[in-house]
N, C-alpha and C. Protein backbone atom coordinates (compact mmCIF):
# COMPACT_ATOMS: atom_id res chain seq x y z
N MET A 1 47.33 157.69 -55.99
CA MET A 1 45.90 157.40 -55.95
C MET A 1 45.67 156.08 -55.22
N PRO A 2 44.73 156.06 -54.29
CA PRO A 2 44.49 154.82 -53.55
C PRO A 2 44.06 153.65 -54.43
N VAL A 3 43.28 153.91 -55.46
CA VAL A 3 42.83 152.82 -56.33
C VAL A 3 44.03 152.17 -57.00
N ARG A 4 44.90 152.97 -57.56
CA ARG A 4 46.08 152.44 -58.25
C ARG A 4 47.00 151.74 -57.27
N GLU A 5 47.17 152.32 -56.08
CA GLU A 5 48.02 151.69 -55.07
C GLU A 5 47.48 150.31 -54.69
N MET A 6 46.18 150.21 -54.51
CA MET A 6 45.59 148.92 -54.16
C MET A 6 45.79 147.90 -55.28
N LEU A 7 45.62 148.33 -56.51
CA LEU A 7 45.83 147.41 -57.63
C LEU A 7 47.30 147.01 -57.76
N ASP A 8 48.19 147.96 -57.55
CA ASP A 8 49.62 147.66 -57.64
C ASP A 8 50.06 146.71 -56.54
N ASP A 9 49.40 146.77 -55.39
CA ASP A 9 49.76 145.91 -54.26
C ASP A 9 49.05 144.57 -54.27
N TYR A 10 48.16 144.37 -55.24
CA TYR A 10 47.44 143.09 -55.31
C TYR A 10 48.46 141.99 -55.59
N PRO A 11 48.47 140.94 -54.76
CA PRO A 11 49.55 139.95 -54.84
C PRO A 11 49.45 138.92 -55.96
N ALA A 12 48.38 138.91 -56.71
CA ALA A 12 48.23 137.92 -57.79
C ALA A 12 47.99 138.66 -59.10
N ALA A 13 47.71 137.89 -60.13
CA ALA A 13 47.49 138.47 -61.46
C ALA A 13 46.21 139.30 -61.47
N VAL A 14 46.27 140.39 -62.19
CA VAL A 14 45.10 141.21 -62.47
C VAL A 14 44.82 141.02 -63.96
N HIS A 15 43.59 140.78 -64.31
CA HIS A 15 43.25 140.35 -65.66
C HIS A 15 43.05 141.48 -66.66
N MET A 16 43.35 142.70 -66.25
CA MET A 16 43.26 143.85 -67.15
C MET A 16 44.43 144.77 -66.86
N ASP A 17 44.66 145.70 -67.75
CA ASP A 17 45.68 146.71 -67.55
C ASP A 17 45.38 147.47 -66.27
N ARG A 18 46.33 147.49 -65.35
CA ARG A 18 46.10 148.10 -64.04
C ARG A 18 45.82 149.59 -64.13
N ALA A 19 46.49 150.29 -65.01
CA ALA A 19 46.27 151.74 -65.14
C ALA A 19 44.87 152.02 -65.67
N ALA A 20 44.44 151.29 -66.69
CA ALA A 20 43.10 151.48 -67.25
C ALA A 20 42.03 151.09 -66.24
N LEU A 21 42.29 150.05 -65.50
CA LEU A 21 41.35 149.59 -64.48
C LEU A 21 41.22 150.63 -63.37
N ALA A 22 42.35 151.17 -62.91
CA ALA A 22 42.32 152.20 -61.87
C ALA A 22 41.58 153.44 -62.35
N GLU A 23 41.85 153.85 -63.58
CA GLU A 23 41.18 155.04 -64.13
C GLU A 23 39.67 154.82 -64.18
N ALA A 24 39.25 153.63 -64.62
CA ALA A 24 37.82 153.34 -64.71
C ALA A 24 37.17 153.34 -63.33
N VAL A 25 37.80 152.72 -62.36
CA VAL A 25 37.23 152.67 -61.01
C VAL A 25 37.09 154.08 -60.44
N GLU A 26 38.09 154.92 -60.66
CA GLU A 26 38.02 156.30 -60.18
C GLU A 26 36.90 157.08 -60.89
N LEU A 27 36.81 156.91 -62.21
CA LEU A 27 35.75 157.60 -62.95
C LEU A 27 34.36 157.10 -62.57
N LEU A 28 34.25 155.83 -62.27
CA LEU A 28 32.96 155.28 -61.82
C LEU A 28 32.53 155.95 -60.52
N GLY A 29 33.48 156.16 -59.61
CA GLY A 29 33.16 156.85 -58.37
C GLY A 29 32.74 158.29 -58.61
N GLU A 30 33.46 158.96 -59.50
CA GLU A 30 33.10 160.35 -59.85
C GLU A 30 31.72 160.41 -60.49
N CYS A 31 31.43 159.47 -61.35
CA CYS A 31 30.15 159.46 -62.05
C CYS A 31 29.01 159.19 -61.06
N ALA A 32 29.22 158.25 -60.15
CA ALA A 32 28.20 157.96 -59.15
C ALA A 32 27.91 159.21 -58.31
N GLN A 33 28.96 159.92 -57.93
CA GLN A 33 28.78 161.13 -57.12
C GLN A 33 28.08 162.21 -57.92
N ALA A 34 28.50 162.43 -59.16
CA ALA A 34 27.90 163.47 -60.00
C ALA A 34 26.42 163.17 -60.25
N CYS A 35 26.11 161.93 -60.53
CA CYS A 35 24.71 161.56 -60.80
C CYS A 35 23.85 161.71 -59.55
N THR A 36 24.38 161.34 -58.40
CA THR A 36 23.63 161.50 -57.15
C THR A 36 23.39 162.98 -56.87
N ALA A 37 24.43 163.79 -57.03
CA ALA A 37 24.30 165.23 -56.78
C ALA A 37 23.37 165.89 -57.79
N CYS A 38 23.42 165.46 -59.03
CA CYS A 38 22.55 166.02 -60.05
C CYS A 38 21.09 165.67 -59.76
N ALA A 39 20.84 164.43 -59.39
CA ALA A 39 19.47 164.04 -59.04
C ALA A 39 18.96 164.88 -57.87
N ASP A 40 19.82 165.08 -56.90
CA ASP A 40 19.43 165.89 -55.75
C ASP A 40 19.16 167.34 -56.15
N ALA A 41 20.00 167.89 -57.01
CA ALA A 41 19.80 169.26 -57.50
C ALA A 41 18.51 169.35 -58.31
N CYS A 42 18.22 168.33 -59.10
CA CYS A 42 16.96 168.31 -59.86
C CYS A 42 15.76 168.37 -58.93
N LEU A 43 15.86 167.67 -57.80
CA LEU A 43 14.75 167.68 -56.84
C LEU A 43 14.51 169.06 -56.24
N ALA A 44 15.54 169.90 -56.24
CA ALA A 44 15.42 171.25 -55.68
C ALA A 44 14.96 172.28 -56.71
N GLU A 45 14.89 171.89 -57.97
CA GLU A 45 14.48 172.82 -59.02
C GLU A 45 12.96 173.05 -58.97
N ASP A 46 12.55 174.26 -59.36
CA ASP A 46 11.12 174.57 -59.44
C ASP A 46 10.41 173.67 -60.46
N SER A 47 11.14 173.27 -61.48
CA SER A 47 10.57 172.45 -62.56
C SER A 47 10.78 170.95 -62.31
N VAL A 48 10.75 170.54 -61.06
CA VAL A 48 11.07 169.15 -60.70
C VAL A 48 10.22 168.13 -61.47
N LEU A 49 8.98 168.46 -61.75
CA LEU A 49 8.13 167.51 -62.48
C LEU A 49 8.63 167.26 -63.89
N ASP A 50 9.30 168.24 -64.47
CA ASP A 50 9.87 168.07 -65.81
C ASP A 50 11.18 167.28 -65.78
N LEU A 51 11.69 167.02 -64.60
CA LEU A 51 13.00 166.37 -64.45
C LEU A 51 12.90 164.95 -63.90
N THR A 52 11.70 164.40 -63.88
CA THR A 52 11.49 163.07 -63.30
C THR A 52 12.36 162.01 -63.96
N VAL A 53 12.39 161.98 -65.27
CA VAL A 53 13.19 160.98 -65.99
C VAL A 53 14.68 161.21 -65.74
N CYS A 54 15.08 162.46 -65.67
CA CYS A 54 16.48 162.79 -65.39
C CYS A 54 16.88 162.27 -64.01
N ILE A 55 16.03 162.51 -63.03
CA ILE A 55 16.30 162.04 -61.67
C ILE A 55 16.44 160.53 -61.65
N ARG A 56 15.49 159.85 -62.27
CA ARG A 56 15.53 158.38 -62.29
C ARG A 56 16.77 157.87 -63.02
N SER A 57 17.09 158.44 -64.17
CA SER A 57 18.27 158.02 -64.93
C SER A 57 19.54 158.23 -64.13
N ASN A 58 19.62 159.37 -63.45
CA ASN A 58 20.81 159.66 -62.65
C ASN A 58 20.95 158.69 -61.48
N LEU A 59 19.86 158.39 -60.80
CA LEU A 59 19.94 157.48 -59.66
C LEU A 59 20.28 156.06 -60.12
N ASP A 60 19.71 155.63 -61.23
CA ASP A 60 20.06 154.32 -61.78
C ASP A 60 21.55 154.27 -62.14
N CYS A 61 22.02 155.31 -62.79
CA CYS A 61 23.42 155.37 -63.20
C CYS A 61 24.34 155.35 -61.98
N ALA A 62 24.00 156.12 -60.96
CA ALA A 62 24.83 156.16 -59.74
C ALA A 62 24.93 154.77 -59.11
N ASP A 63 23.80 154.10 -58.98
CA ASP A 63 23.81 152.76 -58.38
C ASP A 63 24.64 151.78 -59.20
N ILE A 64 24.45 151.81 -60.50
CA ILE A 64 25.16 150.86 -61.38
C ILE A 64 26.66 151.17 -61.39
N CYS A 65 27.03 152.44 -61.37
CA CYS A 65 28.45 152.80 -61.32
C CYS A 65 29.10 152.31 -60.04
N GLU A 66 28.41 152.45 -58.91
CA GLU A 66 28.97 151.99 -57.65
C GLU A 66 29.18 150.48 -57.65
N VAL A 67 28.21 149.74 -58.13
CA VAL A 67 28.34 148.28 -58.20
C VAL A 67 29.46 147.89 -59.16
N THR A 68 29.54 148.56 -60.29
CA THR A 68 30.58 148.25 -61.27
C THR A 68 31.96 148.49 -60.68
N ALA A 69 32.14 149.58 -59.97
CA ALA A 69 33.44 149.86 -59.33
C ALA A 69 33.80 148.76 -58.34
N ARG A 70 32.83 148.28 -57.58
CA ARG A 70 33.11 147.21 -56.62
C ARG A 70 33.49 145.91 -57.34
N ILE A 71 32.77 145.59 -58.40
CA ILE A 71 33.08 144.36 -59.15
C ILE A 71 34.47 144.45 -59.76
N LEU A 72 34.80 145.61 -60.33
CA LEU A 72 36.11 145.77 -60.95
C LEU A 72 37.24 145.77 -59.92
N SER A 73 36.92 146.05 -58.67
CA SER A 73 37.92 146.07 -57.61
C SER A 73 38.21 144.68 -57.06
N ARG A 74 37.43 143.71 -57.47
CA ARG A 74 37.62 142.32 -57.01
C ARG A 74 38.34 141.54 -58.10
N ASN A 75 39.53 141.07 -57.81
CA ASN A 75 40.29 140.32 -58.80
C ASN A 75 40.40 138.84 -58.49
N THR A 76 40.16 138.45 -57.24
CA THR A 76 40.22 137.05 -56.87
C THR A 76 39.00 136.34 -57.47
N GLY A 77 39.24 135.23 -58.16
CA GLY A 77 38.14 134.50 -58.77
C GLY A 77 37.50 135.25 -59.92
N TYR A 78 38.29 136.04 -60.62
CA TYR A 78 37.83 136.87 -61.74
C TYR A 78 36.94 136.09 -62.70
N ASP A 79 35.81 136.66 -63.05
CA ASP A 79 34.87 136.06 -64.00
C ASP A 79 34.64 137.06 -65.13
N SER A 80 35.22 136.79 -66.28
CA SER A 80 35.12 137.73 -67.40
C SER A 80 33.69 137.93 -67.86
N ASN A 81 32.85 136.90 -67.73
CA ASN A 81 31.45 137.04 -68.16
C ASN A 81 30.70 138.04 -67.29
N VAL A 82 30.89 137.97 -65.99
CA VAL A 82 30.24 138.91 -65.08
C VAL A 82 30.78 140.33 -65.33
N THR A 83 32.08 140.44 -65.48
CA THR A 83 32.69 141.74 -65.73
C THR A 83 32.16 142.35 -67.02
N ARG A 84 32.10 141.56 -68.06
CA ARG A 84 31.63 142.04 -69.37
C ARG A 84 30.18 142.55 -69.28
N VAL A 85 29.31 141.74 -68.69
CA VAL A 85 27.89 142.11 -68.60
C VAL A 85 27.72 143.35 -67.73
N GLN A 86 28.47 143.43 -66.64
CA GLN A 86 28.35 144.60 -65.75
C GLN A 86 28.84 145.86 -66.45
N LEU A 87 29.94 145.77 -67.17
CA LEU A 87 30.43 146.93 -67.92
C LEU A 87 29.43 147.36 -69.00
N MET A 88 28.81 146.39 -69.65
CA MET A 88 27.81 146.72 -70.66
C MET A 88 26.62 147.45 -70.03
N ALA A 89 26.17 146.97 -68.88
CA ALA A 89 25.06 147.62 -68.18
C ALA A 89 25.45 149.03 -67.75
N CYS A 90 26.68 149.18 -67.32
CA CYS A 90 27.15 150.49 -66.87
C CYS A 90 27.22 151.47 -68.03
N VAL A 91 27.73 151.03 -69.16
CA VAL A 91 27.77 151.89 -70.34
C VAL A 91 26.36 152.33 -70.70
N GLN A 92 25.42 151.40 -70.68
CA GLN A 92 24.03 151.72 -71.03
C GLN A 92 23.43 152.73 -70.06
N ALA A 93 23.67 152.53 -68.77
CA ALA A 93 23.12 153.45 -67.76
C ALA A 93 23.75 154.84 -67.89
N CYS A 94 25.05 154.88 -68.14
CA CYS A 94 25.73 156.18 -68.30
C CYS A 94 25.26 156.90 -69.56
N VAL A 95 25.03 156.17 -70.62
CA VAL A 95 24.52 156.77 -71.86
C VAL A 95 23.12 157.35 -71.62
N ALA A 96 22.28 156.60 -70.92
CA ALA A 96 20.92 157.07 -70.64
C ALA A 96 20.96 158.34 -69.79
N ALA A 97 21.78 158.36 -68.75
CA ALA A 97 21.88 159.54 -67.88
C ALA A 97 22.49 160.72 -68.65
N ARG A 98 23.50 160.44 -69.44
CA ARG A 98 24.14 161.48 -70.24
C ARG A 98 23.15 162.12 -71.21
N ASP A 99 22.43 161.27 -71.93
CA ASP A 99 21.48 161.78 -72.91
C ASP A 99 20.36 162.59 -72.25
N GLU A 100 19.89 162.11 -71.12
CA GLU A 100 18.82 162.83 -70.41
C GLU A 100 19.34 164.16 -69.88
N CYS A 101 20.53 164.16 -69.29
CA CYS A 101 21.10 165.41 -68.76
C CYS A 101 21.41 166.38 -69.90
N ASP A 102 21.85 165.88 -71.02
CA ASP A 102 22.11 166.76 -72.17
C ASP A 102 20.86 167.55 -72.57
N GLN A 103 19.69 166.95 -72.40
CA GLN A 103 18.45 167.63 -72.75
C GLN A 103 18.16 168.83 -71.83
N HIS A 104 18.74 168.82 -70.64
CA HIS A 104 18.48 169.88 -69.66
C HIS A 104 19.69 170.77 -69.40
N ALA A 105 20.78 170.49 -70.09
CA ALA A 105 22.05 171.17 -69.80
C ALA A 105 22.00 172.68 -70.04
N ALA A 106 21.22 173.12 -71.00
CA ALA A 106 21.14 174.56 -71.28
C ALA A 106 20.48 175.33 -70.14
N MET A 107 19.59 174.66 -69.40
CA MET A 107 18.88 175.33 -68.30
C MET A 107 19.49 175.06 -66.93
N HIS A 108 20.17 173.92 -66.80
CA HIS A 108 20.66 173.51 -65.48
C HIS A 108 22.14 173.12 -65.58
N GLU A 109 22.99 173.91 -64.97
CA GLU A 109 24.43 173.66 -65.00
C GLU A 109 24.77 172.29 -64.41
N HIS A 110 24.05 171.87 -63.38
CA HIS A 110 24.34 170.56 -62.78
C HIS A 110 24.11 169.44 -63.79
N CYS A 111 23.16 169.60 -64.70
CA CYS A 111 22.94 168.59 -65.73
C CYS A 111 24.08 168.59 -66.75
N ARG A 112 24.60 169.77 -67.08
CA ARG A 112 25.73 169.84 -68.01
C ARG A 112 26.95 169.14 -67.42
N VAL A 113 27.23 169.43 -66.15
CA VAL A 113 28.38 168.81 -65.48
C VAL A 113 28.20 167.30 -65.42
N CYS A 114 27.02 166.86 -65.05
CA CYS A 114 26.74 165.43 -64.95
C CYS A 114 26.89 164.73 -66.30
N ALA A 115 26.37 165.34 -67.35
CA ALA A 115 26.50 164.75 -68.69
C ALA A 115 27.96 164.60 -69.08
N ASP A 116 28.78 165.59 -68.75
CA ASP A 116 30.21 165.51 -69.07
C ASP A 116 30.90 164.37 -68.33
N VAL A 117 30.57 164.21 -67.06
CA VAL A 117 31.17 163.12 -66.27
C VAL A 117 30.69 161.77 -66.81
N CYS A 118 29.42 161.66 -67.14
CA CYS A 118 28.89 160.41 -67.71
C CYS A 118 29.60 160.07 -69.02
N ARG A 119 29.85 161.08 -69.82
CA ARG A 119 30.55 160.90 -71.11
C ARG A 119 31.93 160.28 -70.88
N LYS A 120 32.67 160.80 -69.90
CA LYS A 120 34.00 160.26 -69.58
C LYS A 120 33.91 158.83 -69.06
N CYS A 121 32.90 158.57 -68.27
CA CYS A 121 32.72 157.23 -67.71
C CYS A 121 32.40 156.22 -68.82
N VAL A 122 31.57 156.61 -69.77
CA VAL A 122 31.26 155.73 -70.90
C VAL A 122 32.54 155.36 -71.64
N THR A 123 33.38 156.34 -71.89
CA THR A 123 34.62 156.10 -72.62
C THR A 123 35.52 155.13 -71.85
N ALA A 124 35.67 155.35 -70.55
CA ALA A 124 36.53 154.48 -69.74
C ALA A 124 35.98 153.06 -69.67
N CYS A 125 34.68 152.92 -69.48
CA CYS A 125 34.08 151.59 -69.39
C CYS A 125 34.12 150.87 -70.74
N GLN A 126 33.88 151.60 -71.81
CA GLN A 126 33.95 150.99 -73.14
C GLN A 126 35.36 150.52 -73.45
N SER A 127 36.35 151.31 -73.04
CA SER A 127 37.74 150.93 -73.24
C SER A 127 38.06 149.64 -72.47
N LEU A 128 37.60 149.54 -71.25
CA LEU A 128 37.81 148.30 -70.49
C LEU A 128 37.06 147.14 -71.10
N LEU A 129 35.86 147.39 -71.54
CA LEU A 129 35.03 146.35 -72.15
C LEU A 129 35.73 145.75 -73.36
N ASP A 130 36.41 146.59 -74.12
CA ASP A 130 37.15 146.11 -75.29
C ASP A 130 38.32 145.21 -74.91
N LYS A 131 38.75 145.27 -73.64
CA LYS A 131 39.92 144.51 -73.18
C LYS A 131 39.56 143.29 -72.34
N VAL A 132 38.28 143.08 -72.06
CA VAL A 132 37.88 141.94 -71.24
C VAL A 132 38.19 140.66 -72.01
N ASP A 133 38.91 139.75 -71.34
CA ASP A 133 39.28 138.50 -72.02
C ASP A 133 38.22 137.44 -71.84
């Protein structure tokens, strides 16, 4: 995996478990993609007006996941306070998107898939958050 390879090749100390960090960065990318695709699929639904909050939650989650992955990929000048706050925001955004998609999962398969990916991302980010020094 490129993420793990990059972390393994980093020439200085990494302030978190490299395997957990790589897994989280990869899941953040998957979550950003799933949320973007789900928002786009919602826009194509006949009931788009009923999906406004879902679209907004998904787009917010996608943006926050992308930023979080970039922050976690930077180890030089590590700032645990920034990392902690960003992970907390990411967990919150993923929970909001997950909960909103769960409400539509019975009618829209893309919402079910997105909720599942958000669920995994919450777990990975929460696990890292518990390890921030």
